[in-house]
Amino acid sequence: MQTIFNTIKTIALKIDHAIKTEDLGYSNTENSSGEEQLKLDVKSDYIVEQAFMEVSIVKALVSEEKEGILEINKNGKYTICYDPLDGSSLADVNLSVGSIFGIYEGGLKGENLVASAYIVYGPRIELMVATKKGKPLHYRAQGEEFNLIGEVSLDQKGKLNAPGGTQQNWSSSHKNFIDDLFAKGYRLRYSGGMVPDLHQILLKGGGLFSYPGTSDKPEGKLRQLFEVIPFALMYEQAGGKAINSNGVRLLELIPEHPHDTTPCFFGSDYEIEALKKAYGVKA
């Protein structure tokens, strides 16, 4: 597993360099969801793919940018599902973006996730790693080395509120819940990038990140294997919770297709319990 984490560190440095030096415009291609790809998306996907080709314990790769599963080592043990550059459209306005990795052993479902990691590309490069043992570990790059900053834990109750999705498409119950959090003094922290927003909540001690089902996207927007399930492990190991709109743990999800999406909510214990109440979820 450490070989995979070391490869992710190498990937982080290469993608950060691409962000700082490559063309930020659109390519002439579309991803698996029919969205026009930025050149940075394509470049980042290539960097990840090439890096893991040389890692013998990795059996297959599944990219948010491609359809299907890429088999690379028939004797490998792990499948890595990844979003090479989450929030890439924010790069041209110089906001933080990130990469997400879910490491699965066996079939592609939540219970088979054995580790996850994400990278934040901002003023500094930061890496967070989670396994099923202990708290998530926080690293920061200095030159080409990643130094351990420490373990990360969530408080029982936070102060930040990061609500995703277009507000006019929210249900009335979700809008009322979000408005109630603001009325209680929660601060809005939403950049449009999943990685930096969830990272901020983790490092600031807690709060809520929500991306509900909406009238235009009833199954949500965020993809289970690449984004949602990896962050669910991160939040649970930090002492928080991660559920869908029915109160089901995101780590119990079983996608039918590699690109399936889901409504998702990540946060401290207090906010998730308040959300369950607002959504009428029985304990």
Foldseek 3Di string as FASTA:
>chain_A
DVLVVVLVLVLLVVLLVCLVDPDQAWDPDAFPVRHTHTPSQVVLVVSSVVSCLPPQQEQWEAERRYFDIGGRHPPHFKYKYKHRWFPSVCSVVQAKIKMKIFIAGPDQALLRGAKIKMWINHPWIKIWIFGLDAAIWIWTDDPSDTDTPGGWAADQADQAEEEDDDVVFDDPLVVVLSVVSVVVRHDYDYDNGPVVVLVVQRRRRKDKYWFAQTPVRNFTDDFLRHPQSNVQRNQVNNQAAKAFLQRHGSSRGDDPGRGGGHTMMIIHNVSVVSSCVSSVHDD
